Protein backbone atom coordinates (compact mmCIF):
# COMPACT_ATOMS: atom_id res chain seq x y z
CA MET A 1 0.00 0.00 0.00
CA GLU A 2 1.35 3.43 -0.91
CA ASN A 3 2.15 5.75 1.99
CA ASN A 4 -0.55 8.27 1.06
CA GLU A 5 -3.19 5.52 0.93
CA LYS A 6 -1.99 4.08 4.22
CA LEU A 7 -2.16 7.53 5.81
CA ALA A 8 -5.68 8.04 4.45
CA HIS A 9 -6.71 4.71 6.01
CA ASN A 10 -5.14 5.71 9.34
CA ARG A 11 -6.99 9.02 9.26
CA HIS A 12 -10.30 7.34 8.52
CA THR A 13 -9.64 4.91 11.37
CA LEU A 14 -9.09 7.84 13.71
CA ALA A 15 -12.47 9.26 12.73
CA HIS A 16 -14.02 6.04 14.07
CA LEU A 17 -11.84 6.24 17.17
CA LEU A 18 -13.13 9.78 17.74
CA ALA A 19 -16.71 8.58 17.31
CA GLN A 20 -16.18 5.95 20.00
CA ALA A 21 -14.77 8.57 22.38
CA VAL A 22 -17.76 10.83 21.71
CA LYS A 23 -20.26 8.06 22.42
CA GLY A 24 -18.37 7.19 25.60
CA LYS A 25 -18.88 10.70 26.95
CA TYR A 26 -22.10 11.78 25.21
CA GLU A 27 -24.36 8.75 25.16
CA ASN A 28 -27.20 10.49 23.32
CA ALA A 29 -25.03 12.00 20.57
CA GLN A 30 -26.04 10.93 17.07
CA LEU A 31 -23.11 10.13 14.79
CA THR A 32 -23.33 10.94 11.09
CA LEU A 33 -20.26 10.84 8.78
CA GLY A 34 -16.52 10.82 9.50
CA PRO A 35 -14.20 10.92 6.48
CA ALA A 36 -10.46 11.37 6.13
CA VAL A 37 -9.32 14.74 4.74
CA ASP A 38 -6.02 16.16 3.51
CA ASN A 39 -4.56 16.92 6.94
CA GLY A 40 -6.49 14.50 9.13
CA PHE A 41 -10.15 13.67 9.65
CA TYR A 42 -13.42 14.98 11.01
CA TYR A 43 -16.73 13.65 12.29
CA ASP A 44 -20.07 15.45 12.09
CA ILE A 45 -22.19 14.87 15.18
CA ASP A 46 -25.60 15.90 16.45
CA PHE A 47 -25.10 16.51 20.18
CA GLY A 48 -28.73 17.51 20.75
CA THR A 49 -28.90 19.97 23.63
CA GLU A 50 -25.27 19.37 24.67
CA LYS A 51 -22.83 22.19 23.90
CA VAL A 52 -19.38 21.01 22.80
CA SER A 53 -16.51 23.46 22.35
CA ASP A 54 -12.74 23.43 21.82
CA GLU A 55 -12.30 23.13 25.58
CA ASP A 56 -13.84 19.63 25.47
CA LEU A 57 -11.34 18.28 22.95
CA ALA A 58 -8.58 17.46 25.45
CA GLY A 59 -10.84 14.96 27.23
CA LEU A 60 -11.89 13.33 23.97
CA GLN A 61 -8.26 13.16 22.85
CA LYS A 62 -7.30 11.41 26.10
CA SER A 63 -10.04 8.83 25.56
CA MET A 64 -8.90 8.23 21.98
CA VAL A 65 -5.32 7.52 23.08
CA LYS A 66 -6.54 5.21 25.86
CA ASN A 67 -8.91 3.29 23.58
CA LEU A 68 -6.35 2.96 20.79
CA SER A 69 -4.48 0.20 22.64
CA SER A 70 -7.49 -2.12 22.28
CA TRP A 71 -7.96 -1.40 18.57
CA THR A 72 -6.00 -4.39 17.28
CA GLU A 73 -8.13 -5.65 14.41
CA PHE A 74 -11.03 -4.52 12.21
CA THR A 75 -13.78 -6.99 11.40
CA HIS A 76 -16.66 -6.35 9.06
CA LYS A 77 -19.84 -7.99 7.92
CA GLU A 78 -22.38 -7.37 5.21
CA VAL A 79 -25.89 -6.86 6.57
CA SER A 80 -29.38 -6.39 5.19
CA LYS A 81 -31.13 -3.07 5.21
CA ASP A 82 -33.37 -4.20 8.08
CA GLU A 83 -30.42 -5.42 10.15
CA ALA A 84 -28.63 -2.12 9.64
CA LEU A 85 -31.71 -0.12 10.62
CA VAL A 86 -31.99 -2.15 13.82
CA ALA A 87 -28.29 -1.58 14.60
CA PHE A 88 -28.72 2.19 14.30
CA LYS A 89 -32.29 2.52 15.50
CA GLY A 90 -33.05 6.09 16.58
CA ASN A 91 -30.16 7.65 14.63
CA VAL A 92 -32.02 9.51 11.89
CA TYR A 93 -28.78 10.29 10.01
CA LYS A 94 -27.58 6.70 9.80
CA GLU A 95 -31.11 5.61 8.86
CA GLU A 96 -31.09 8.10 5.97
CA LEU A 97 -27.73 6.80 4.77
CA ILE A 98 -28.80 3.16 5.07
CA ASN A 99 -31.95 3.77 3.03
CA GLU A 100 -29.95 5.57 0.33
CA ILE A 101 -27.38 2.76 0.11
CA ALA A 102 -30.15 0.18 -0.17
CA ASP A 103 -31.98 2.20 -2.84
CA ARG A 104 -28.79 2.25 -4.93
CA GLY A 105 -28.54 -1.51 -4.64
CA GLU A 106 -25.15 -1.32 -2.91
CA LYS A 107 -23.81 -3.49 -0.11
CA ILE A 108 -24.35 -2.34 3.48
CA THR A 109 -21.33 -3.09 5.64
CA LEU A 110 -20.64 -2.60 9.33
CA TYR A 111 -17.06 -2.37 10.60
CA THR A 112 -16.06 -3.13 14.21
CA CYS A 113 -12.85 -2.46 16.11
CA GLY A 114 -12.14 -2.11 19.84
CA GLY A 115 -15.76 -2.89 20.62
CA PHE A 116 -17.07 -0.03 18.49
CA THR A 117 -19.22 -0.59 15.37
CA ASP A 118 -19.98 1.94 12.65
CA LEU A 119 -21.63 2.04 9.25
CA CYS A 120 -18.76 2.21 6.78
CA ARG A 121 -17.48 1.21 3.32
CA GLY A 122 -14.00 0.39 4.60
CA GLY A 123 -10.49 1.66 4.21
CA HIS A 124 -8.87 1.32 7.64
CA ALA A 125 -5.60 0.49 9.35
CA GLU A 126 -5.33 -3.30 9.74
CA ASN A 127 -3.97 -3.06 13.29
CA PRO A 128 -4.48 0.52 14.51
CA ALA A 129 -2.75 -0.04 17.87
CA LYS A 130 0.48 -0.97 16.07
CA GLU A 131 0.18 1.24 12.99
CA ILE A 132 -0.95 4.54 14.52
CA PRO A 133 1.38 6.20 17.07
CA GLY A 134 -0.62 7.67 19.94
CA ASP A 135 1.19 11.00 19.58
CA SER A 136 0.75 11.33 15.80
CA PHE A 137 -2.76 12.84 15.95
CA LYS A 138 -4.46 15.69 17.72
CA LEU A 139 -8.02 16.98 17.92
CA ASP A 140 -7.86 20.44 16.42
CA ARG A 141 -11.08 22.42 16.63
CA VAL A 142 -14.87 22.45 16.70
CA ALA A 143 -16.94 24.02 13.92
CA GLY A 144 -20.48 24.06 12.63
CA ALA A 145 -21.53 22.11 9.53
CA TYR A 146 -24.90 21.55 7.91
CA TRP A 147 -25.93 17.93 7.46
CA ARG A 148 -24.86 16.86 3.96
CA GLY A 149 -23.57 20.40 3.35
CA ASP A 150 -27.10 21.69 2.75
CA GLU A 151 -28.01 24.89 4.61
CA LYS A 152 -31.66 23.74 4.64
CA ASN A 153 -30.64 20.90 6.95
CA LYS A 154 -29.80 20.93 10.65
CA MET A 155 -26.55 22.46 11.83
CA LEU A 156 -24.29 19.78 13.31
CA THR A 157 -21.07 19.95 15.31
CA ARG A 158 -17.97 19.05 13.33
CA ILE A 159 -14.88 17.97 15.26
CA TYR A 160 -11.68 18.24 13.24
CA GLY A 161 -8.58 16.21 13.95
CA LEU A 162 -5.04 16.40 12.58
CA ALA A 163 -3.15 13.20 11.79
CA PHE A 164 0.24 12.39 10.27
CA GLU A 165 2.65 9.46 10.15
CA THR A 166 4.69 10.66 13.13
CA LYS A 167 4.68 13.18 15.97
CA GLU A 168 7.46 15.09 14.17
CA LYS A 169 5.32 15.54 11.07
CA LEU A 170 2.32 16.53 13.18
CA ASP A 171 4.41 19.13 15.04
CA ALA A 172 5.80 20.47 11.76
CA TYR A 173 2.27 20.88 10.40
CA ILE A 174 1.08 22.66 13.55
CA LEU A 175 4.07 25.02 13.31
CA GLN A 176 3.24 25.65 9.65
CA GLN A 177 -0.35 26.50 10.59
CA GLU A 178 0.81 28.93 13.26
CA GLU A 179 2.96 30.68 10.66
CA ALA A 180 0.02 30.64 8.24
CA LYS A 181 -2.11 32.53 10.79
CA LYS A 182 0.51 35.28 10.92
CA ARG A 183 0.50 35.43 7.12
CA ASP A 184 -3.28 35.26 6.66
CA HIS A 185 -4.05 37.48 3.66
CA ARG A 186 -7.20 38.81 5.34
CA LYS A 187 -5.13 40.06 8.29
CA ILE A 188 -2.26 41.48 6.20
CA GLY A 189 -4.62 42.89 3.57
CA LYS A 190 -6.40 44.87 6.28
CA GLU A 191 -3.12 46.08 7.81
CA LEU A 192 -1.86 47.29 4.43
CA GLY A 193 -5.23 48.70 3.36
CA LEU A 194 -5.47 46.66 0.14
CA PHE A 195 -9.11 45.52 0.09
CA ILE A 196 -12.25 45.51 2.20
CA PHE A 197 -15.53 43.65 2.47
CA SER A 198 -18.76 45.53 3.11
CA ASP A 199 -21.88 44.09 4.72
CA LEU A 200 -23.93 46.35 2.45
CA VAL A 201 -22.22 44.99 -0.68
CA GLY A 202 -22.25 41.39 0.50
CA PRO A 203 -19.93 38.46 1.31
CA GLY A 204 -17.59 37.22 -1.40
CA LEU A 205 -17.56 40.61 -3.13
CA PRO A 206 -14.24 42.32 -2.32
CA LEU A 207 -13.76 46.05 -2.80
CA TRP A 208 -10.26 47.11 -3.77
CA THR A 209 -8.70 50.28 -2.37
CA PRO A 210 -6.31 52.44 -4.43
CA LYS A 211 -3.35 50.59 -2.90
CA GLY A 212 -4.75 47.16 -3.66
CA THR A 213 -5.76 48.24 -7.14
CA ILE A 214 -2.17 49.28 -7.90
CA ILE A 215 -0.99 45.72 -7.19
CA ARG A 216 -3.84 44.12 -9.19
CA GLU A 217 -3.16 46.29 -12.20
CA LEU A 218 0.61 45.74 -12.10
CA LEU A 219 0.15 41.97 -11.96
CA ASN A 220 -2.29 42.08 -14.84
CA ASP A 221 0.01 44.35 -16.84
CA TYR A 222 2.82 41.85 -16.35
CA VAL A 223 0.71 38.96 -17.68
CA TRP A 224 -0.31 41.09 -20.67
CA GLU A 225 3.33 42.03 -21.32
CA LEU A 226 4.19 38.32 -21.51
CA ARG A 227 1.23 37.58 -23.78
CA LYS A 228 1.55 40.56 -26.07
CA VAL A 229 4.97 39.54 -27.42
CA ARG A 230 3.47 36.15 -28.29
CA GLY A 231 0.78 37.59 -30.53
CA TYR A 232 -2.25 37.80 -28.25
CA GLN A 233 -4.92 40.42 -28.91
CA LYS A 234 -7.27 41.96 -26.37
CA VAL A 235 -11.02 41.43 -26.67
CA THR A 236 -13.97 42.61 -24.56
CA ILE A 237 -17.25 40.87 -23.83
CA PRO A 238 -20.39 41.72 -21.80
CA HIS A 239 -21.02 40.39 -18.31
CA ILE A 240 -24.40 38.83 -19.15
CA THR A 241 -25.65 36.52 -21.86
CA LYS A 242 -28.64 34.52 -23.03
CA LYS A 243 -28.75 31.11 -21.44
CA GLU A 244 -28.74 29.57 -24.91
CA LEU A 245 -25.01 30.34 -25.21
CA TYR A 246 -24.28 28.06 -22.25
CA GLU A 247 -26.74 25.44 -23.41
CA LYS A 248 -24.79 25.16 -26.65
CA SER A 249 -21.39 25.15 -24.93
CA GLY A 250 -22.45 22.39 -22.52
CA HIS A 251 -22.05 24.47 -19.37
CA TRP A 252 -25.77 24.85 -18.67
CA ALA A 253 -26.42 21.13 -18.16
CA LYS A 254 -23.53 20.87 -15.71
CA TYR A 255 -23.43 24.23 -13.91
CA SER A 256 -26.87 25.83 -14.16
CA ASP A 257 -27.35 25.68 -10.37
CA ASP A 258 -24.16 27.74 -9.90
CA LEU A 259 -25.25 30.59 -12.18
CA PHE A 260 -26.82 33.94 -11.30
CA LYS A 261 -29.96 34.23 -13.39
CA ILE A 262 -31.71 37.42 -14.48
CA GLU A 263 -35.27 37.62 -15.75
CA THR A 264 -35.90 40.59 -18.04
CA ARG A 265 -39.11 42.58 -18.27
CA GLU A 266 -39.87 40.61 -21.42
CA LYS A 267 -39.47 37.34 -19.50
CA HIS A 268 -36.19 36.33 -21.14
CA THR A 269 -33.66 34.50 -18.98
CA LEU A 270 -30.16 35.96 -18.96
CA VAL A 271 -27.25 34.83 -16.81
CA MET A 272 -24.21 36.51 -15.31
CA LYS A 273 -21.26 34.91 -17.07
CA PRO A 274 -19.45 32.27 -14.95
CA MET A 275 -16.74 31.84 -17.61
CA ASN A 276 -15.62 33.58 -20.80
CA CYS A 277 -14.83 30.85 -23.30
CA PRO A 278 -18.31 30.59 -24.88
CA HIS A 279 -18.32 34.36 -25.53
CA HIS A 280 -14.89 34.17 -27.13
CA THR A 281 -16.07 31.43 -29.47
CA GLN A 282 -18.56 33.88 -30.90
CA ILE A 283 -15.83 36.41 -31.68
CA PHE A 284 -13.87 33.71 -33.50
CA ASP A 285 -16.99 32.55 -35.34
CA SER A 286 -18.02 36.06 -36.41
CA GLU A 287 -16.23 35.75 -39.75
CA PRO A 288 -14.86 32.98 -41.99
CA ARG A 289 -11.33 31.87 -41.04
CA SER A 290 -8.65 30.57 -43.36
CA TYR A 291 -5.67 28.46 -42.29
CA ARG A 292 -3.66 31.63 -42.94
CA ASP A 293 -5.58 33.34 -40.09
CA MET A 294 -4.67 30.66 -37.58
CA PRO A 295 -4.05 30.73 -34.72
CA GLN A 296 -6.30 33.41 -33.21
CA ARG A 297 -5.19 34.36 -29.68
CA TYR A 298 -7.65 36.31 -27.50
CA ALA A 299 -6.90 37.72 -24.05
CA GLU A 300 -9.18 39.53 -21.65
CA THR A 301 -9.11 40.35 -17.96
CA THR A 302 -12.70 40.41 -16.78
CA MET A 303 -14.92 39.34 -13.91
CA VAL A 304 -17.04 36.22 -13.87
CA TYR A 305 -19.66 35.38 -11.28
CA ARG A 306 -20.51 32.12 -9.54
CA ASP A 307 -23.20 31.53 -6.95
CA GLU A 308 -20.98 30.13 -4.22
CA GLN A 309 -22.57 29.12 -0.92
CA SER A 310 -21.80 31.54 1.89
CA GLY A 311 -20.16 28.83 3.98
CA GLU A 312 -17.62 28.19 1.19
CA LEU A 313 -16.46 31.81 0.91
CA SER A 314 -13.04 32.61 2.36
CA GLY A 315 -11.41 36.02 2.04
CA LEU A 316 -9.98 36.45 -1.46
CA SER A 317 -9.31 32.74 -1.96
CA ARG A 318 -13.01 31.92 -2.56
CA VAL A 319 -15.21 34.75 -3.82
CA ILE A 320 -18.37 35.33 -5.88
CA SER A 321 -16.89 37.93 -8.24
CA ILE A 322 -13.79 36.35 -9.81
CA THR A 323 -11.38 38.38 -11.94
CA GLN A 324 -9.79 36.10 -14.53
CA ASP A 325 -6.76 37.01 -16.62
CA ASP A 326 -8.30 34.82 -19.26
CA ALA A 327 -7.04 33.77 -22.66
CA HIS A 328 -8.19 31.43 -25.42
CA VAL A 329 -6.23 30.26 -28.42
CA PHE A 330 -8.15 29.00 -31.45
CA CYS A 331 -5.77 26.89 -33.51
CA ARG A 332 -5.36 23.90 -35.78
CA GLU A 333 -4.40 20.51 -34.34
CA ASN A 334 -0.91 20.77 -35.79
CA GLN A 335 -0.43 24.08 -33.93
CA VAL A 336 -1.34 22.76 -30.47
CA GLU A 337 2.19 21.90 -29.41
CA GLU A 338 3.67 25.29 -30.32
CA GLU A 339 0.82 27.20 -28.68
CA VAL A 340 0.80 25.18 -25.44
CA MET A 341 4.58 25.50 -25.20
CA ALA A 342 4.24 29.29 -25.53
CA VAL A 343 1.67 29.36 -22.73
CA TRP A 344 3.94 27.14 -20.64
CA ASP A 345 6.80 29.63 -21.10
CA ILE A 346 4.53 32.48 -19.95
CA ILE A 347 3.54 30.54 -16.83
CA ASP A 348 7.15 29.60 -16.04
CA THR A 349 8.35 33.20 -16.39
CA PHE A 350 5.52 34.66 -14.33
CA TYR A 351 5.77 32.28 -11.36
CA LYS A 352 9.57 32.22 -11.20
CA THR A 353 9.40 36.00 -10.75
CA PHE A 354 7.86 35.32 -7.32
CA GLY A 355 10.06 32.37 -6.38
CA PHE A 356 7.60 29.57 -7.11
CA GLU A 357 9.02 26.22 -8.26
CA LEU A 358 6.49 24.49 -10.49
CA GLN A 359 5.47 20.84 -10.77
CA VAL A 360 3.06 19.43 -13.34
CA ARG A 361 -0.10 17.39 -12.89
CA PHE A 362 -1.64 15.74 -15.94
CA SER A 363 -5.35 16.06 -15.20
CA ARG A 364 -7.18 13.57 -17.37
CA HIS A 365 -10.67 12.15 -17.52
CA ASP A 366 -11.84 8.98 -15.78
CA PRO A 367 -13.28 6.58 -18.37
CA LYS A 368 -15.32 4.91 -15.61
CA THR A 369 -17.47 8.07 -15.21
CA PRO A 370 -18.18 9.22 -18.80
CA GLU A 371 -21.28 11.08 -17.63
CA LYS A 372 -19.05 13.76 -16.07
CA TYR A 373 -17.56 14.84 -19.41
CA LEU A 374 -18.49 16.26 -22.79
CA GLY A 375 -17.73 14.29 -25.93
CA GLY A 376 -16.80 10.74 -26.76
CA GLU A 377 -13.80 8.59 -25.91
CA GLU A 378 -12.14 9.24 -29.28
CA LEU A 379 -11.90 13.00 -28.72
CA TRP A 380 -10.61 12.51 -25.18
CA ALA A 381 -7.97 10.05 -26.36
CA LYS A 382 -6.83 12.53 -29.01
CA ALA A 383 -6.67 15.48 -26.57
CA GLU A 384 -4.93 13.53 -23.79
CA GLY A 385 -2.49 12.00 -26.27
CA ALA A 386 -1.53 15.45 -27.53
CA LEU A 387 -0.81 16.78 -24.02
CA LYS A 388 1.05 13.62 -23.00
CA ASN A 389 3.31 13.80 -26.07
CA LEU A 390 3.97 17.46 -25.35
CA MET A 391 4.98 16.79 -21.73
CA GLU A 392 7.26 13.97 -22.86
CA LYS A 393 8.96 16.33 -25.33
CA LYS A 394 9.29 18.88 -22.54
CA GLY A 395 11.03 16.20 -20.47
CA VAL A 396 9.03 16.78 -17.27
CA THR A 397 7.87 14.29 -14.68
CA TRP A 398 4.19 14.69 -13.98
CA ILE A 399 1.70 13.69 -11.30
CA ASP A 400 -1.17 11.59 -12.60
CA GLY A 401 -4.47 13.40 -12.08
CA LEU A 402 -6.99 10.73 -13.05
CA GLY A 403 -10.49 12.23 -12.91
CA GLU A 404 -9.19 15.83 -12.50
CA ALA A 405 -9.88 16.97 -16.08
CA ALA A 406 -12.21 19.84 -16.90
CA PHE A 407 -15.52 18.54 -18.17
CA TYR A 408 -14.62 19.59 -21.74
CA GLY A 409 -10.96 18.55 -21.88
CA PRO A 410 -7.72 17.45 -20.20
CA LYS A 411 -5.41 19.90 -18.43
CA ILE A 412 -1.83 20.52 -17.51
CA ASP A 413 -2.12 21.87 -13.97
CA PHE A 414 0.85 23.62 -12.39
CA ILE A 415 1.47 22.84 -8.74
CA SER A 416 3.80 24.68 -6.39
CA ARG A 417 4.61 25.21 -2.73
CA ASP A 418 4.58 28.56 -1.00
CA SER A 419 7.31 29.82 1.30
CA ILE A 420 5.99 27.85 4.30
CA GLY A 421 5.58 24.61 2.36
CA ARG A 422 1.86 24.55 1.55
CA VAL A 423 0.92 22.84 -1.73
CA LEU A 424 -0.94 25.12 -4.16
CA GLN A 425 -2.46 24.72 -7.59
CA VAL A 426 -1.62 27.84 -9.55
CA ALA A 427 -1.97 28.07 -13.35
CA THR A 428 -3.58 25.63 -15.77
CA VAL A 429 -3.58 24.95 -19.51
CA GLN A 430 -6.62 23.15 -20.88
CA LEU A 431 -7.02 21.50 -24.30
CA ASP A 432 -10.57 21.50 -25.63
CA PHE A 433 -11.80 19.56 -28.65
CA ASN A 434 -15.42 19.56 -27.46
CA GLN A 435 -16.56 23.19 -27.42
CA PRO A 436 -15.24 23.84 -30.95
CA LYS A 437 -17.31 20.85 -32.04
CA ASN A 438 -20.41 22.09 -30.18
CA PHE A 439 -20.10 25.52 -31.83
CA ASP A 440 -18.93 24.08 -35.17
CA LEU A 441 -15.80 26.23 -35.17
CA THR A 442 -13.79 25.67 -38.32
CA CYS A 443 -11.21 27.14 -40.64
CA THR A 444 -10.67 26.51 -44.34
CA ASN A 445 -7.54 24.42 -44.86
CA GLU A 446 -5.06 24.35 -47.75
CA LYS A 447 -7.36 22.08 -49.77
CA GLY A 448 -10.31 24.46 -49.43
CA GLU A 449 -12.04 22.11 -46.98
CA LYS A 450 -13.62 22.92 -43.63
CA GLU A 451 -11.38 21.78 -40.77
CA GLN A 452 -12.46 21.52 -37.11
CA ILE A 453 -10.28 23.72 -34.92
CA VAL A 454 -9.14 23.31 -31.30
CA MET A 455 -9.32 25.61 -28.25
CA ILE A 456 -6.64 26.15 -25.62
CA HIS A 457 -7.78 27.76 -22.35
CA CYS A 458 -5.37 29.51 -20.01
CA ALA A 459 -5.63 31.90 -17.07
CA VAL A 460 -2.11 32.51 -15.76
CA MET A 461 -3.12 33.73 -12.31
CA GLY A 462 -6.31 31.67 -12.36
CA SER A 463 -8.09 34.52 -10.67
CA ILE A 464 -6.49 37.74 -9.50
CA GLU A 465 -8.27 37.43 -6.15
CA ARG A 466 -6.99 33.93 -5.44
CA PHE A 467 -3.51 34.73 -6.69
CA MET A 468 -3.41 37.84 -4.49
CA SER A 469 -4.33 35.75 -1.44
CA THR A 470 -1.55 33.31 -2.35
CA LEU A 471 1.02 36.03 -3.02
CA ILE A 472 0.27 37.98 0.17
CA GLU A 473 0.74 34.85 2.27
CA HIS A 474 3.76 33.63 0.29
CA LEU A 475 5.54 36.97 0.80
CA ALA A 476 4.00 37.72 4.23
CA GLY A 477 3.00 41.10 2.77
CA ASP A 478 6.58 42.04 1.85
CA PHE A 479 5.92 42.77 -1.83
CA PRO A 480 8.87 43.33 -4.16
CA LEU A 481 9.59 46.98 -4.92
CA TRP A 482 7.86 46.97 -8.32
CA LEU A 483 4.56 45.88 -6.73
CA CYS A 484 4.59 47.96 -3.53
CA PRO A 485 1.89 50.66 -3.36
CA THR A 486 4.37 52.78 -1.36
CA GLN A 487 7.90 52.21 -2.62
CA VAL A 488 9.68 54.97 -0.70
CA ALA A 489 8.68 56.59 2.60
CA VAL A 490 10.17 60.03 3.29
CA ILE A 491 10.04 61.14 6.94
CA PRO A 492 11.06 64.74 7.70
CA VAL A 493 12.49 65.00 11.22
CA LYS A 494 10.82 68.38 11.90
CA ASP A 495 8.46 70.72 10.09
CA ILE A 496 11.45 72.74 8.83
CA HIS A 497 12.47 69.68 6.79
CA GLU A 498 9.08 69.14 5.17
CA ASP A 499 9.70 71.31 2.08
CA ALA A 500 12.81 69.27 1.32
CA GLY A 501 10.80 66.11 1.84
CA TYR A 502 8.10 67.14 -0.63
CA GLU A 503 10.75 68.18 -3.14
CA MET A 504 12.31 64.73 -2.82
CA GLU A 505 8.85 63.17 -3.34
CA LYS A 506 8.42 65.22 -6.52
CA VAL A 507 11.75 64.06 -7.96
CA LEU A 508 11.00 60.41 -7.23
CA LYS A 509 7.44 60.58 -8.56
CA ASN A 510 8.70 62.17 -11.78
CA SER A 511 10.69 58.96 -12.25
CA GLY A 512 7.57 56.85 -11.65
CA ILE A 513 8.50 55.88 -8.10
CA ARG A 514 5.55 55.77 -5.72
CA THR A 515 6.56 57.91 -2.76
CA ALA A 516 4.79 59.05 0.41
CA VAL A 517 5.82 61.83 2.77
CA PHE A 518 4.97 61.39 6.45
CA PRO A 519 4.76 65.02 7.71
CA SER A 520 5.71 66.05 11.22
CA ASN A 521 2.22 65.95 12.75
CA ASP A 522 3.25 63.10 15.05
CA SER A 523 6.39 61.97 16.84
CA LEU A 524 9.28 60.80 14.70
CA GLY A 525 9.16 57.32 16.24
CA LYS A 526 5.46 56.88 15.48
CA ARG A 527 5.93 58.01 11.88
CA ILE A 528 8.82 55.62 11.34
CA HIS A 529 6.69 52.82 12.80
CA LYS A 530 3.79 53.75 10.51
CA ALA A 531 6.01 53.71 7.42
CA LYS A 532 7.43 50.31 8.34
CA ALA A 533 3.93 48.96 9.08
CA LEU A 534 3.08 49.73 5.44
CA ARG A 535 6.05 47.51 4.44
CA ALA A 536 7.72 50.35 2.49
CA PRO A 537 10.91 48.83 0.98
CA TYR A 538 12.91 52.06 1.49
CA VAL A 539 12.58 54.56 4.36
CA ILE A 540 14.43 57.89 4.38
CA VAL A 541 14.62 59.99 7.54
CA LEU A 542 15.39 63.55 6.41
CA GLY A 543 17.03 65.93 8.86
CA ASP A 544 19.59 68.79 8.86
CA LYS A 545 22.50 66.57 7.92
CA GLU A 546 20.76 65.02 4.91
CA LYS A 547 19.29 68.33 3.79
CA GLU A 548 22.67 70.08 3.82
CA SER A 549 24.96 67.33 2.48
CA GLY A 550 22.59 65.73 -0.02
CA MET A 551 23.81 62.31 1.19
CA LEU A 552 20.87 60.20 2.30
CA THR A 553 20.83 57.35 4.79
CA ILE A 554 18.22 54.91 3.52
CA GLU A 555 16.91 52.03 5.62
CA LYS A 556 15.81 48.99 3.65
CA ARG A 557 12.95 46.78 4.73
CA ASP A 558 15.34 44.10 6.02
CA GLY A 559 16.87 46.61 8.44
CA SER A 560 20.11 47.17 6.52
CA LYS A 561 21.13 50.70 5.57
CA ILE A 562 22.73 52.27 2.51
CA GLN A 563 24.01 55.78 1.85
CA MET A 564 23.73 57.55 -1.50
CA THR A 565 22.49 60.70 -3.18
CA LEU A 566 18.93 61.11 -4.37
CA ARG A 567 20.13 60.84 -7.96
CA ASP A 568 21.85 57.51 -7.32
CA LEU A 569 18.89 56.23 -5.34
CA THR A 570 16.55 57.07 -8.21
CA ALA A 571 18.74 55.17 -10.68
CA LEU A 572 18.94 52.18 -8.29
CA LEU A 573 15.16 52.02 -7.84
CA GLU A 574 14.45 52.43 -11.56
CA THR A 575 16.70 49.45 -12.30
CA GLU A 576 15.16 47.32 -9.54
CA ILE A 577 11.64 48.12 -10.75
CA LYS A 578 12.51 47.45 -14.40
CA ASN A 579 14.05 44.06 -13.54
CA ARG A 580 11.23 43.14 -11.17
CA SER A 581 13.92 42.02 -8.74
């Protein structure tokens, strides 16, 4: 068994161990579901009138460790629906699950270990007492969760646990999470004044301040700079459309519940666009295309809108209004390799600028679940074969992402780790044979015949909001000079130095350097602290000595100091900004 599968089985076992501890202390608690998750496990429980909080976790943890010694072997048996209902009589959640399993014609199995029995499909440690160290897991926190994730259902208590192979790995993860709290983009974003959320506007709808907008625009400009030299052209589309566009593309059948719908006065149904590719197909299809016109490369940074549930929203990382730096290439099959390689180069260049090392996941379809995808097996084989050949030519080792494809085509997903070791999916390149077929997108080839074309989808940042959350936490708010809203802070010692400070600001701003003067309306110490709190990369304290000699002492964000004239400083900053260093 692979280590990751073994760990998943251990984590699922611990969910059962938690359930036993809960029933030992709260006899009337009704157990529901307890799966393994990426960093451990959880169990959703209806405690009735009992109130369970984080303070109760230590006692449950102690019981889990004590009980673990008797968990030496799992046994299981297949039972009938009636037998299962008797075993869980009075537990309305288990009864619901049992009835659903029976209605699907699936086996109902009960698993027992250490004297505790639960409804389960399996996937456990064979001998938990030997395989799971008692110090390798920890109950983490209590949260609320609707039964089956549906806000119309009852709110349950979810107990989360962390679990790893060893105590050392558990401790390392806990340390990482403590560092993550310090770097939380919501906290740092507020401190730096980059974005806000308003109760009147609504959750999941961030509002960007002038400072935050500077960073967004600079990031977007950088992506466009990389695309422009590779022949992309900008296009613009509306934010709403007739639903028929998404019916034809295939999105409506799969995502209609996630769309914001608008009914006009004439009773037509329009939707807020959740993606841009169907609109871009119409620009391509607006005139006949010859093979000489191919490829067509469209780029657009625009918002899309998805009706996310409020419980799924999280700062900038999960929002309702999503700004995509989107692009679509319409090309011939024999142009796919060159075009994907060009996109790959853009992604490599962009992410290396911020210190991200990229890995590749080949996200392909699962032939066992054809209902999840558009198109037949032949098109999928052709698309996946093209991407596989390309990756082999590139000479990269990839992670197999069976079942991770987009519903219309396979993807090359780029995976990285941030500065504290968290795994992130960043950019993606998607190859689509299906939408061009649905929209009958063609070009005339050298023989004068109609030839089906192919689409390549790519958003380098994915969404600006999500990338900003990633970047803030990766850098802990210490943006490189070229991105900083305030690049230089000038602090006059006294009011008699303010004129010189504003003159310095003027010189720097004339060179495109974003500069802020902190006038002497507060103590010098407080103004220095304020400038550093804004993470200004360069801070200049301007007093008599500097004013008279013209030689500036400049403190860098890392605490080191340099001395130079304003002219030399300007040249230094211009070079650093140009090189995005």
